[in-house]
Amino acid sequence: MIQSNINIKTGGRGEYFYLDYYIPKNKKIAANQDKLANSLKYSDLILKYKKGDSGAIAFYIKIINNIIYNYFYFYDLILPVPPSNSYLDFYPNAQVCLYLAALGTIDTYEKAIVCIKGHKPGHIENNIDLKKKDSNNISLEYKYNYKSKKIIIFDDIITTGTTFKLIKNALLKEGASAVTGIFLGKTPMEADIVNFAGGDI
């Protein structure tokens, strides 16, 4: 298992937090891989998590619990993001949130964020139209009370931030007083990888 001295990083001008870069297997890295070694190893751990590996899930439960306990103890809710139209992978985001609620760290609404399934996700089909549709299939379950609550949106990966912003804006419209995101990994842009590997970041 990867070393647990992970430092939380900010993204989106402080809108959300993530633990490290997530570098997909198909992303070509021409720069010095030595400086990306930890991110590459970390990316393998996220893949294990996405496939339901119990060791990876337990690792992230511990990490996220510590982060919330120490830095987000004043937040009311953590909401898991479901898989984005994917019926190919197992996404244990709800498991993590339910476990945190059982520990008494933070409350959760397991199915507050919902998605309409029915096709392979756009990034797998490499279909631009499906990529655009993916974010339209994420919605909020309005039977819950979000008013005046400080809410964490929890997901494994953030890439463009479109889904995160969609959910955040919907929660704010419902009266949430604050919304932030915690993600296990952030998919970097090509320039980010080159700069990071070259020592500029």
N, C-alpha and C. Protein backbone atom coordinates (compact mmCIF):
# COMPACT_ATOMS: atom_id res chain seq x y z
N MET A 1 0.85 -1.20 0.00
CA MET A 1 0.00 0.00 0.00
C MET A 1 0.88 1.24 0.00
N ILE A 2 0.38 2.30 -0.59
CA ILE A 2 1.13 3.56 -0.70
C ILE A 2 1.30 4.20 0.67
N GLN A 3 2.36 4.97 0.82
CA GLN A 3 2.58 5.66 2.10
C GLN A 3 1.43 6.61 2.38
N SER A 4 1.10 6.79 3.65
CA SER A 4 -0.10 7.55 4.00
C SER A 4 0.17 9.02 4.33
N ASN A 5 1.39 9.51 4.06
CA ASN A 5 1.66 10.93 4.35
C ASN A 5 1.26 11.79 3.15
N ILE A 6 -0.04 11.78 2.86
CA ILE A 6 -0.59 12.54 1.74
C ILE A 6 -0.97 13.92 2.22
N ASN A 7 -0.59 14.94 1.44
CA ASN A 7 -0.94 16.32 1.77
C ASN A 7 -2.09 16.77 0.89
N ILE A 8 -3.14 17.26 1.50
CA ILE A 8 -4.31 17.71 0.74
C ILE A 8 -3.96 18.97 -0.05
N LYS A 9 -4.41 19.01 -1.30
CA LYS A 9 -4.12 20.13 -2.20
C LYS A 9 -5.41 20.83 -2.60
N THR A 10 -5.32 22.10 -2.93
CA THR A 10 -6.52 22.85 -3.32
C THR A 10 -6.58 22.99 -4.84
N GLY A 11 -7.79 23.09 -5.35
CA GLY A 11 -8.01 23.29 -6.78
C GLY A 11 -9.18 24.21 -7.01
N GLY A 12 -9.34 24.64 -8.25
CA GLY A 12 -10.47 25.50 -8.60
C GLY A 12 -10.53 26.77 -7.78
N ARG A 13 -9.37 27.37 -7.54
CA ARG A 13 -9.29 28.61 -6.74
C ARG A 13 -9.88 28.43 -5.34
N GLY A 14 -9.57 27.28 -4.75
CA GLY A 14 -10.02 27.01 -3.39
C GLY A 14 -11.39 26.42 -3.27
N GLU A 15 -12.03 26.09 -4.42
CA GLU A 15 -13.39 25.53 -4.38
C GLU A 15 -13.41 24.08 -3.92
N TYR A 16 -12.33 23.35 -4.19
CA TYR A 16 -12.31 21.93 -3.85
C TYR A 16 -10.91 21.50 -3.45
N PHE A 17 -10.82 20.26 -2.93
CA PHE A 17 -9.55 19.72 -2.44
C PHE A 17 -9.35 18.33 -3.04
N TYR A 18 -8.09 17.97 -3.27
CA TYR A 18 -7.78 16.64 -3.77
C TYR A 18 -6.46 16.17 -3.16
N LEU A 19 -6.19 14.86 -3.26
CA LEU A 19 -5.05 14.29 -2.57
C LEU A 19 -3.79 14.19 -3.43
N ASP A 20 -3.96 13.95 -4.73
CA ASP A 20 -2.81 13.86 -5.63
C ASP A 20 -3.33 13.84 -7.05
N TYR A 21 -2.41 13.88 -8.01
CA TYR A 21 -2.80 13.72 -9.40
C TYR A 21 -3.24 12.29 -9.67
N TYR A 22 -4.26 12.15 -10.52
CA TYR A 22 -4.65 10.86 -11.04
C TYR A 22 -4.26 10.85 -12.52
N ILE A 23 -3.32 9.98 -12.88
CA ILE A 23 -2.84 9.92 -14.25
C ILE A 23 -3.36 8.64 -14.90
N PRO A 24 -4.31 8.77 -15.84
CA PRO A 24 -4.87 7.57 -16.49
C PRO A 24 -3.79 6.77 -17.20
N LYS A 25 -4.03 5.48 -17.33
CA LYS A 25 -3.07 4.57 -17.95
C LYS A 25 -2.77 4.97 -19.40
N ASN A 26 -3.78 5.52 -20.08
CA ASN A 26 -3.60 5.83 -21.50
C ASN A 26 -2.96 7.20 -21.74
N LYS A 27 -2.61 7.93 -20.68
CA LYS A 27 -2.01 9.25 -20.84
C LYS A 27 -0.51 9.09 -21.08
N LYS A 28 -0.05 9.58 -22.20
CA LYS A 28 1.37 9.47 -22.52
C LYS A 28 2.16 10.54 -21.79
N ILE A 29 3.23 10.13 -21.14
CA ILE A 29 4.06 11.06 -20.38
C ILE A 29 5.47 11.04 -20.97
N ALA A 30 5.81 12.10 -21.66
CA ALA A 30 7.11 12.16 -22.30
C ALA A 30 8.18 12.71 -21.37
N ALA A 31 7.75 13.37 -20.30
CA ALA A 31 8.70 14.03 -19.39
C ALA A 31 9.30 13.02 -18.41
N ASN A 32 10.14 13.51 -17.51
CA ASN A 32 10.84 12.68 -16.54
C ASN A 32 9.85 12.00 -15.59
N GLN A 33 9.75 10.67 -15.69
CA GLN A 33 8.78 9.95 -14.88
C GLN A 33 9.19 9.80 -13.42
N ASP A 34 10.47 10.04 -13.11
CA ASP A 34 10.92 9.90 -11.72
C ASP A 34 10.15 10.83 -10.79
N LYS A 35 9.90 12.06 -11.26
CA LYS A 35 9.19 13.04 -10.42
C LYS A 35 7.69 12.77 -10.37
N LEU A 36 7.22 11.89 -11.26
CA LEU A 36 5.81 11.53 -11.26
C LEU A 36 5.58 10.16 -10.62
N ALA A 37 6.65 9.55 -10.11
CA ALA A 37 6.55 8.17 -9.62
C ALA A 37 5.48 8.01 -8.56
N ASN A 38 5.39 8.93 -7.59
CA ASN A 38 4.40 8.80 -6.53
C ASN A 38 2.98 8.97 -7.08
N SER A 39 2.81 9.92 -8.02
CA SER A 39 1.48 10.11 -8.63
C SER A 39 1.06 8.90 -9.43
N LEU A 40 2.00 8.28 -10.14
CA LEU A 40 1.69 7.08 -10.92
C LEU A 40 1.31 5.92 -10.01
N LYS A 41 2.04 5.75 -8.92
CA LYS A 41 1.72 4.70 -7.95
C LYS A 41 0.36 4.99 -7.30
N TYR A 42 0.14 6.26 -6.99
CA TYR A 42 -1.11 6.67 -6.38
C TYR A 42 -2.29 6.41 -7.33
N SER A 43 -2.08 6.64 -8.62
CA SER A 43 -3.12 6.40 -9.61
C SER A 43 -3.52 4.93 -9.64
N ASP A 44 -2.55 4.04 -9.46
CA ASP A 44 -2.86 2.61 -9.40
C ASP A 44 -3.76 2.30 -8.20
N LEU A 45 -3.53 2.99 -7.09
CA LEU A 45 -4.35 2.79 -5.90
C LEU A 45 -5.79 3.25 -6.14
N ILE A 46 -5.95 4.36 -6.85
CA ILE A 46 -7.30 4.83 -7.18
C ILE A 46 -8.02 3.82 -8.07
N LEU A 47 -7.31 3.25 -9.01
CA LEU A 47 -7.92 2.23 -9.88
C LEU A 47 -8.40 1.04 -9.06
N LYS A 48 -7.60 0.64 -8.08
CA LYS A 48 -8.02 -0.46 -7.19
C LYS A 48 -9.29 -0.07 -6.43
N TYR A 49 -9.32 1.16 -5.96
CA TYR A 49 -10.50 1.68 -5.25
C TYR A 49 -11.73 1.62 -6.14
N LYS A 50 -11.58 2.09 -7.38
CA LYS A 50 -12.70 2.12 -8.32
C LYS A 50 -13.24 0.72 -8.61
N LYS A 51 -12.38 -0.28 -8.50
CA LYS A 51 -12.79 -1.66 -8.77
C LYS A 51 -13.23 -2.40 -7.52
N GLY A 52 -13.28 -1.67 -6.40
CA GLY A 52 -13.83 -2.25 -5.18
C GLY A 52 -12.85 -3.00 -4.31
N ASP A 53 -11.54 -2.75 -4.47
CA ASP A 53 -10.54 -3.41 -3.64
C ASP A 53 -10.73 -2.99 -2.17
N SER A 54 -10.92 -3.97 -1.28
CA SER A 54 -11.23 -3.66 0.12
C SER A 54 -10.10 -2.93 0.84
N GLY A 55 -8.84 -3.26 0.49
CA GLY A 55 -7.70 -2.57 1.10
C GLY A 55 -7.64 -1.11 0.71
N ALA A 56 -7.90 -0.82 -0.56
CA ALA A 56 -7.89 0.56 -1.04
C ALA A 56 -9.03 1.36 -0.43
N ILE A 57 -10.21 0.73 -0.33
CA ILE A 57 -11.36 1.41 0.28
C ILE A 57 -11.07 1.74 1.74
N ALA A 58 -10.51 0.78 2.48
CA ALA A 58 -10.19 1.01 3.89
C ALA A 58 -9.16 2.12 4.04
N PHE A 59 -8.18 2.16 3.14
CA PHE A 59 -7.15 3.20 3.16
C PHE A 59 -7.79 4.58 3.01
N TYR A 60 -8.69 4.71 2.04
CA TYR A 60 -9.31 6.02 1.81
C TYR A 60 -10.30 6.40 2.90
N ILE A 61 -10.97 5.42 3.48
CA ILE A 61 -11.85 5.74 4.61
C ILE A 61 -11.03 6.39 5.73
N LYS A 62 -9.88 5.81 6.02
CA LYS A 62 -9.01 6.36 7.08
C LYS A 62 -8.53 7.76 6.73
N ILE A 63 -8.08 7.95 5.49
CA ILE A 63 -7.56 9.26 5.07
C ILE A 63 -8.66 10.32 5.10
N ILE A 64 -9.80 10.03 4.48
CA ILE A 64 -10.89 11.01 4.41
C ILE A 64 -11.44 11.30 5.80
N ASN A 65 -11.53 10.29 6.64
CA ASN A 65 -11.98 10.49 8.02
C ASN A 65 -11.06 11.47 8.76
N ASN A 66 -9.76 11.28 8.61
CA ASN A 66 -8.80 12.17 9.27
C ASN A 66 -8.89 13.59 8.75
N ILE A 67 -9.06 13.73 7.43
CA ILE A 67 -9.16 15.06 6.83
C ILE A 67 -10.39 15.79 7.35
N ILE A 68 -11.53 15.10 7.37
CA ILE A 68 -12.76 15.75 7.84
C ILE A 68 -12.68 16.05 9.33
N TYR A 69 -12.18 15.10 10.10
CA TYR A 69 -12.07 15.28 11.55
C TYR A 69 -11.20 16.49 11.90
N ASN A 70 -10.11 16.69 11.15
CA ASN A 70 -9.16 17.76 11.47
C ASN A 70 -9.45 19.10 10.79
N TYR A 71 -10.04 19.06 9.60
CA TYR A 71 -10.18 20.31 8.83
C TYR A 71 -11.62 20.68 8.49
N PHE A 72 -12.52 19.72 8.44
CA PHE A 72 -13.89 20.01 8.01
C PHE A 72 -14.91 19.56 9.06
N TYR A 73 -14.48 19.59 10.32
CA TYR A 73 -15.33 19.13 11.42
C TYR A 73 -16.61 19.95 11.57
N PHE A 74 -16.62 21.18 11.02
CA PHE A 74 -17.79 22.04 11.14
C PHE A 74 -18.77 21.86 9.98
N TYR A 75 -18.49 20.93 9.07
CA TYR A 75 -19.40 20.64 7.96
C TYR A 75 -20.47 19.66 8.42
N ASP A 76 -21.66 19.76 7.80
CA ASP A 76 -22.82 18.97 8.23
C ASP A 76 -23.00 17.67 7.46
N LEU A 77 -22.70 17.70 6.17
CA LEU A 77 -23.02 16.56 5.31
C LEU A 77 -21.89 16.25 4.34
N ILE A 78 -21.76 14.96 3.98
CA ILE A 78 -20.91 14.56 2.87
C ILE A 78 -21.79 13.77 1.91
N LEU A 79 -21.79 14.17 0.64
CA LEU A 79 -22.65 13.53 -0.35
C LEU A 79 -21.80 12.82 -1.40
N PRO A 80 -21.99 11.50 -1.56
CA PRO A 80 -21.21 10.76 -2.55
C PRO A 80 -21.74 10.97 -3.96
N VAL A 81 -20.82 11.14 -4.91
CA VAL A 81 -21.21 11.25 -6.32
C VAL A 81 -21.26 9.83 -6.90
N PRO A 82 -22.38 9.48 -7.55
CA PRO A 82 -22.48 8.14 -8.14
C PRO A 82 -21.68 8.06 -9.43
N PRO A 83 -21.50 6.86 -9.98
CA PRO A 83 -20.78 6.73 -11.25
C PRO A 83 -21.47 7.50 -12.36
N SER A 84 -20.70 8.15 -13.19
CA SER A 84 -21.23 8.96 -14.27
C SER A 84 -21.64 8.08 -15.44
N ASN A 85 -22.85 7.52 -15.34
CA ASN A 85 -23.41 6.66 -16.39
C ASN A 85 -22.61 5.39 -16.62
N SER A 86 -21.71 5.03 -15.70
CA SER A 86 -20.85 3.87 -15.94
C SER A 86 -21.40 2.63 -15.28
N TYR A 87 -21.59 1.58 -16.07
CA TYR A 87 -21.97 0.30 -15.50
C TYR A 87 -20.79 -0.67 -15.62
N LEU A 88 -19.60 -0.12 -15.90
CA LEU A 88 -18.42 -0.96 -16.10
C LEU A 88 -17.58 -1.10 -14.84
N ASP A 89 -17.52 -0.06 -14.04
CA ASP A 89 -16.68 -0.06 -12.84
C ASP A 89 -17.54 -0.04 -11.58
N PHE A 90 -16.92 -0.41 -10.47
CA PHE A 90 -17.57 -0.35 -9.16
C PHE A 90 -17.08 0.91 -8.46
N TYR A 91 -18.01 1.76 -8.02
CA TYR A 91 -17.63 3.02 -7.37
C TYR A 91 -18.08 2.99 -5.91
N PRO A 92 -17.15 2.89 -4.99
CA PRO A 92 -17.51 2.75 -3.57
C PRO A 92 -17.63 4.08 -2.82
N ASN A 93 -17.90 5.18 -3.54
CA ASN A 93 -18.01 6.48 -2.86
C ASN A 93 -19.06 6.45 -1.76
N ALA A 94 -20.18 5.80 -2.05
CA ALA A 94 -21.25 5.73 -1.04
C ALA A 94 -20.80 4.93 0.18
N GLN A 95 -20.01 3.88 -0.03
CA GLN A 95 -19.50 3.09 1.09
C GLN A 95 -18.66 3.93 2.04
N VAL A 96 -17.79 4.76 1.45
CA VAL A 96 -16.92 5.63 2.26
C VAL A 96 -17.78 6.58 3.10
N CYS A 97 -18.76 7.21 2.45
CA CYS A 97 -19.60 8.19 3.16
C CYS A 97 -20.44 7.53 4.25
N LEU A 98 -20.98 6.36 3.97
CA LEU A 98 -21.77 5.64 4.98
C LEU A 98 -20.90 5.25 6.17
N TYR A 99 -19.68 4.85 5.91
CA TYR A 99 -18.77 4.47 6.98
C TYR A 99 -18.43 5.69 7.86
N LEU A 100 -18.20 6.84 7.22
CA LEU A 100 -17.92 8.07 7.97
C LEU A 100 -19.10 8.46 8.84
N ALA A 101 -20.30 8.26 8.31
CA ALA A 101 -21.51 8.56 9.09
C ALA A 101 -21.63 7.59 10.27
N ALA A 102 -21.30 6.32 10.05
CA ALA A 102 -21.37 5.33 11.12
C ALA A 102 -20.35 5.63 12.22
N LEU A 103 -19.21 6.20 11.83
CA LEU A 103 -18.19 6.59 12.82
C LEU A 103 -18.60 7.84 13.60
N GLY A 104 -19.61 8.55 13.10
CA GLY A 104 -20.03 9.79 13.74
C GLY A 104 -19.21 10.99 13.32
N THR A 105 -18.43 10.84 12.26
CA THR A 105 -17.58 11.94 11.79
C THR A 105 -18.39 13.02 11.08
N ILE A 106 -19.33 12.59 10.22
CA ILE A 106 -20.16 13.51 9.45
C ILE A 106 -21.37 12.75 8.95
N ASP A 107 -22.51 13.43 8.84
CA ASP A 107 -23.72 12.79 8.32
C ASP A 107 -23.67 12.70 6.80
N THR A 108 -24.52 11.83 6.25
CA THR A 108 -24.58 11.69 4.80
C THR A 108 -26.01 11.40 4.36
N TYR A 109 -26.32 11.78 3.13
CA TYR A 109 -27.52 11.33 2.43
C TYR A 109 -27.00 10.46 1.29
N GLU A 110 -27.17 9.17 1.41
CA GLU A 110 -26.52 8.24 0.48
C GLU A 110 -26.90 8.49 -0.98
N LYS A 111 -28.17 8.77 -1.24
CA LYS A 111 -28.62 8.91 -2.62
C LYS A 111 -29.12 10.32 -2.93
N ALA A 112 -28.45 11.30 -2.36
CA ALA A 112 -28.83 12.70 -2.61
C ALA A 112 -28.49 13.11 -4.03
N ILE A 113 -27.37 12.61 -4.54
CA ILE A 113 -26.96 12.89 -5.91
C ILE A 113 -27.24 11.64 -6.73
N VAL A 114 -27.99 11.80 -7.80
CA VAL A 114 -28.39 10.65 -8.61
C VAL A 114 -27.98 10.87 -10.07
N CYS A 115 -27.90 9.76 -10.81
CA CYS A 115 -27.64 9.88 -12.24
C CYS A 115 -28.49 8.88 -13.00
N ILE A 116 -28.78 9.25 -14.23
CA ILE A 116 -29.55 8.37 -15.12
C ILE A 116 -28.55 7.55 -15.91
N LYS A 117 -28.64 6.24 -15.78
CA LYS A 117 -27.72 5.37 -16.50
C LYS A 117 -28.34 4.93 -17.83
N GLY A 118 -27.56 4.24 -18.63
CA GLY A 118 -28.14 3.71 -19.86
C GLY A 118 -27.19 3.63 -21.02
N HIS A 119 -26.04 4.28 -20.95
CA HIS A 119 -25.07 4.16 -22.03
C HIS A 119 -23.67 4.15 -21.45
N LYS A 120 -22.74 3.68 -22.24
CA LYS A 120 -21.35 3.73 -21.80
C LYS A 120 -20.94 5.18 -21.66
N PRO A 121 -20.13 5.51 -20.66
CA PRO A 121 -19.73 6.90 -20.46
C PRO A 121 -18.95 7.43 -21.65
N GLY A 122 -19.04 8.75 -21.85
CA GLY A 122 -18.43 9.39 -23.00
C GLY A 122 -16.94 9.17 -23.12
N HIS A 123 -16.23 9.14 -21.98
CA HIS A 123 -14.78 9.01 -22.06
C HIS A 123 -14.37 7.60 -22.50
N ILE A 124 -15.25 6.62 -22.29
CA ILE A 124 -14.95 5.26 -22.74
C ILE A 124 -15.29 5.10 -24.22
N GLU A 125 -16.40 5.68 -24.64
CA GLU A 125 -16.80 5.62 -26.04
C GLU A 125 -15.98 6.57 -26.91
N ASN A 126 -15.25 7.49 -26.26
CA ASN A 126 -14.52 8.56 -26.96
C ASN A 126 -15.47 9.33 -27.88
N ASN A 127 -16.62 9.64 -27.34
CA ASN A 127 -17.67 10.31 -28.08
C ASN A 127 -17.94 11.66 -27.43
N ILE A 128 -17.67 12.73 -28.16
CA ILE A 128 -17.80 14.09 -27.61
C ILE A 128 -19.24 14.38 -27.19
N ASP A 129 -20.21 13.93 -27.99
CA ASP A 129 -21.61 14.18 -27.65
C ASP A 129 -22.00 13.51 -26.34
N LEU A 130 -21.49 12.26 -26.13
CA LEU A 130 -21.79 11.57 -24.88
C LEU A 130 -21.11 12.24 -23.71
N LYS A 131 -19.90 12.77 -23.93
CA LYS A 131 -19.20 13.48 -22.87
C LYS A 131 -20.04 14.67 -22.40
N LYS A 132 -20.65 15.38 -23.34
CA LYS A 132 -21.48 16.53 -22.98
C LYS A 132 -22.75 16.08 -22.25
N LYS A 133 -23.28 14.93 -22.64
CA LYS A 133 -24.51 14.43 -22.03
C LYS A 133 -24.29 13.93 -20.61
N ASP A 134 -23.08 13.44 -20.31
CA ASP A 134 -22.81 12.87 -18.99
C ASP A 134 -23.21 13.81 -17.87
N SER A 135 -22.82 15.09 -17.97
CA SER A 135 -23.11 16.03 -16.89
C SER A 135 -24.61 16.32 -16.79
N ASN A 136 -25.35 16.17 -17.91
CA ASN A 136 -26.79 16.40 -17.87
C ASN A 136 -27.54 15.28 -17.15
N ASN A 137 -26.88 14.15 -16.96
CA ASN A 137 -27.52 13.01 -16.31
C ASN A 137 -27.30 12.98 -14.80
N ILE A 138 -26.60 13.98 -14.29
CA ILE A 138 -26.41 14.08 -12.84
C ILE A 138 -27.42 15.09 -12.29
N SER A 139 -28.13 14.70 -11.25
CA SER A 139 -29.11 15.63 -10.67
C SER A 139 -29.17 15.46 -9.15
N LEU A 140 -29.92 16.34 -8.53
CA LEU A 140 -30.06 16.36 -7.07
C LEU A 140 -31.41 15.79 -6.68
N GLU A 141 -31.43 15.00 -5.62
CA GLU A 141 -32.68 14.48 -5.08
C GLU A 141 -33.22 15.55 -4.12
N TYR A 142 -34.34 16.14 -4.48
CA TYR A 142 -34.83 17.32 -3.75
C TYR A 142 -35.67 17.00 -2.52
N LYS A 143 -35.82 15.73 -2.18
CA LYS A 143 -36.62 15.40 -0.99
C LYS A 143 -35.86 15.67 0.30
N TYR A 144 -34.55 15.87 0.21
CA TYR A 144 -33.74 16.12 1.41
C TYR A 144 -33.68 17.61 1.72
N ASN A 145 -33.34 17.91 2.97
CA ASN A 145 -33.22 19.31 3.40
C ASN A 145 -31.74 19.73 3.36
N TYR A 146 -31.43 20.65 2.46
CA TYR A 146 -30.05 21.14 2.32
C TYR A 146 -29.89 22.55 2.90
N LYS A 147 -30.99 23.14 3.33
CA LYS A 147 -30.97 24.54 3.74
C LYS A 147 -30.04 24.77 4.93
N SER A 148 -29.19 25.80 4.79
CA SER A 148 -28.25 26.26 5.82
C SER A 148 -27.18 25.21 6.18
N LYS A 149 -27.06 24.18 5.36
CA LYS A 149 -26.06 23.14 5.66
C LYS A 149 -24.75 23.39 4.91
N LYS A 150 -23.66 23.04 5.59
CA LYS A 150 -22.34 23.08 4.96
C LYS A 150 -22.08 21.67 4.42
N ILE A 151 -21.84 21.57 3.13
CA ILE A 151 -21.86 20.28 2.46
C ILE A 151 -20.55 19.99 1.72
N ILE A 152 -20.09 18.75 1.84
CA ILE A 152 -18.94 18.26 1.08
C ILE A 152 -19.45 17.34 -0.03
N ILE A 153 -19.02 17.59 -1.24
CA ILE A 153 -19.28 16.67 -2.35
C ILE A 153 -18.06 15.76 -2.46
N PHE A 154 -18.29 14.44 -2.42
CA PHE A 154 -17.18 13.49 -2.43
C PHE A 154 -17.20 12.62 -3.69
N ASP A 155 -16.06 12.59 -4.39
CA ASP A 155 -15.93 11.75 -5.58
C ASP A 155 -14.49 11.27 -5.70
N ASP A 156 -14.30 10.26 -6.53
CA ASP A 156 -12.94 9.74 -6.68
C ASP A 156 -12.06 10.65 -7.53
N ILE A 157 -12.56 11.09 -8.69
CA ILE A 157 -11.75 11.87 -9.62
C ILE A 157 -12.47 13.15 -10.02
N ILE A 158 -11.70 14.25 -10.13
CA ILE A 158 -12.20 15.47 -10.75
C ILE A 158 -11.32 15.75 -11.97
N THR A 159 -11.97 16.07 -13.09
CA THR A 159 -11.22 16.36 -14.32
C THR A 159 -11.46 17.81 -14.73
N THR A 160 -12.58 18.08 -15.35
CA THR A 160 -12.87 19.46 -15.77
C THR A 160 -13.59 20.25 -14.67
N GLY A 161 -14.24 19.54 -13.75
CA GLY A 161 -15.00 20.21 -12.69
C GLY A 161 -16.43 20.53 -13.06
N THR A 162 -16.87 20.10 -14.26
CA THR A 162 -18.23 20.40 -14.72
C THR A 162 -19.29 19.79 -13.81
N THR A 163 -19.14 18.51 -13.50
CA THR A 163 -20.11 17.82 -12.63
C THR A 163 -20.12 18.45 -11.24
N PHE A 164 -18.94 18.73 -10.71
CA PHE A 164 -18.84 19.34 -9.39
C PHE A 164 -19.59 20.69 -9.34
N LYS A 165 -19.36 21.53 -10.34
CA LYS A 165 -20.02 22.85 -10.37
C LYS A 165 -21.52 22.72 -10.50
N LEU A 166 -21.96 21.75 -11.31
CA LEU A 166 -23.39 21.52 -11.49
C LEU A 166 -24.05 21.17 -10.15
N ILE A 167 -23.44 20.24 -9.42
CA ILE A 167 -24.00 19.83 -8.13
C ILE A 167 -23.90 20.96 -7.11
N LYS A 168 -22.77 21.64 -7.09
CA LYS A 168 -22.57 22.75 -6.15
C LYS A 168 -23.63 23.82 -6.34
N ASN A 169 -23.85 24.23 -7.58
CA ASN A 169 -24.84 25.28 -7.86
C ASN A 169 -26.24 24.84 -7.48
N ALA A 170 -26.57 23.57 -7.71
CA ALA A 170 -27.89 23.05 -7.35
C ALA A 170 -28.08 23.09 -5.83
N LEU A 171 -27.04 22.73 -5.08
CA LEU A 171 -27.12 22.75 -3.62
C LEU A 171 -27.24 24.17 -3.09
N LEU A 172 -26.50 25.09 -3.67
CA LEU A 172 -26.59 26.50 -3.24
C LEU A 172 -27.98 27.07 -3.51
N LYS A 173 -28.58 26.68 -4.63
CA LYS A 173 -29.94 27.13 -4.95
C LYS A 173 -30.95 26.59 -3.94
N GLU A 174 -30.63 25.42 -3.38
CA GLU A 174 -31.51 24.81 -2.38
C GLU A 174 -31.25 25.36 -0.98
N GLY A 175 -30.33 26.34 -0.87
CA GLY A 175 -30.12 27.01 0.41
C GLY A 175 -28.92 26.57 1.20
N ALA A 176 -28.08 25.68 0.66
CA ALA A 176 -26.86 25.28 1.37
C ALA A 176 -26.01 26.51 1.65
N SER A 177 -25.41 26.59 2.83
CA SER A 177 -24.63 27.78 3.19
C SER A 177 -23.20 27.72 2.66
N ALA A 178 -22.69 26.49 2.43
CA ALA A 178 -21.33 26.34 1.88
C ALA A 178 -21.24 24.97 1.22
N VAL A 179 -20.54 24.92 0.10
CA VAL A 179 -20.34 23.65 -0.61
C VAL A 179 -18.88 23.58 -1.07
N THR A 180 -18.21 22.50 -0.70
CA THR A 180 -16.85 22.26 -1.17
C THR A 180 -16.76 20.84 -1.69
N GLY A 181 -15.66 20.50 -2.32
CA GLY A 181 -15.48 19.16 -2.84
C GLY A 181 -14.22 18.53 -2.28
N ILE A 182 -14.27 17.22 -2.02
CA ILE A 182 -13.07 16.45 -1.69
C ILE A 182 -12.98 15.31 -2.69
N PHE A 183 -11.83 15.23 -3.36
CA PHE A 183 -11.62 14.23 -4.40
C PHE A 183 -10.34 13.45 -4.11
N LEU A 184 -10.35 12.18 -4.44
CA LEU A 184 -9.17 11.36 -4.24
C LEU A 184 -8.06 11.76 -5.21
N GLY A 185 -8.44 12.13 -6.42
CA GLY A 185 -7.44 12.50 -7.41
C GLY A 185 -7.95 13.55 -8.38
N LYS A 186 -7.01 14.24 -8.99
CA LYS A 186 -7.34 15.24 -10.02
C LYS A 186 -6.60 14.88 -11.31
N THR A 187 -7.35 14.72 -12.38
CA THR A 187 -6.72 14.45 -13.67
C THR A 187 -6.10 15.75 -14.16
N PRO A 188 -4.77 15.77 -14.34
CA PRO A 188 -4.13 17.02 -14.76
C PRO A 188 -4.25 17.24 -16.26
N MET A 189 -4.16 18.50 -16.67
CA MET A 189 -4.05 18.81 -18.07
C MET A 189 -2.64 18.44 -18.52
N GLU A 190 -2.44 18.33 -19.82
CA GLU A 190 -1.13 17.92 -20.35
C GLU A 190 -0.03 18.87 -19.88
N ALA A 191 -0.33 20.17 -19.85
CA ALA A 191 0.66 21.17 -19.42
C ALA A 191 1.04 20.97 -17.96
N ASP A 192 0.07 20.57 -17.14
CA ASP A 192 0.35 20.33 -15.72
C ASP A 192 1.37 19.22 -15.55
N ILE A 193 1.21 18.16 -16.32
CA ILE A 193 2.11 17.01 -16.22
C ILE A 193 3.51 17.41 -16.65
N VAL A 194 3.61 18.12 -17.77
CA VAL A 194 4.93 18.53 -18.27
C VAL A 194 5.63 19.44 -17.28
N ASN A 195 4.89 20.43 -16.74
CA ASN A 195 5.46 21.35 -15.78
C ASN A 195 5.89 20.65 -14.48
N PHE A 196 5.01 19.76 -14.01
CA PHE A 196 5.30 19.04 -12.78
C PHE A 196 6.54 18.15 -12.95
N ALA A 197 6.56 17.39 -14.05
CA ALA A 197 7.69 16.48 -14.30
C ALA A 197 8.97 17.24 -14.55
N GLY A 198 8.84 18.46 -15.07
CA GLY A 198 10.03 19.26 -15.35
C GLY A 198 10.52 20.02 -14.13
N GLY A 199 9.77 19.96 -13.04
CA GLY A 199 10.22 20.59 -11.80
C GLY A 199 9.71 22.01 -11.61
N ASP A 200 8.78 22.44 -12.48
CA ASP A 200 8.29 23.81 -12.39
C ASP A 200 7.17 23.95 -11.37
N ILE A 201 6.56 22.85 -10.97
CA ILE A 201 5.48 22.92 -9.99
C ILE A 201 5.93 22.29 -8.69
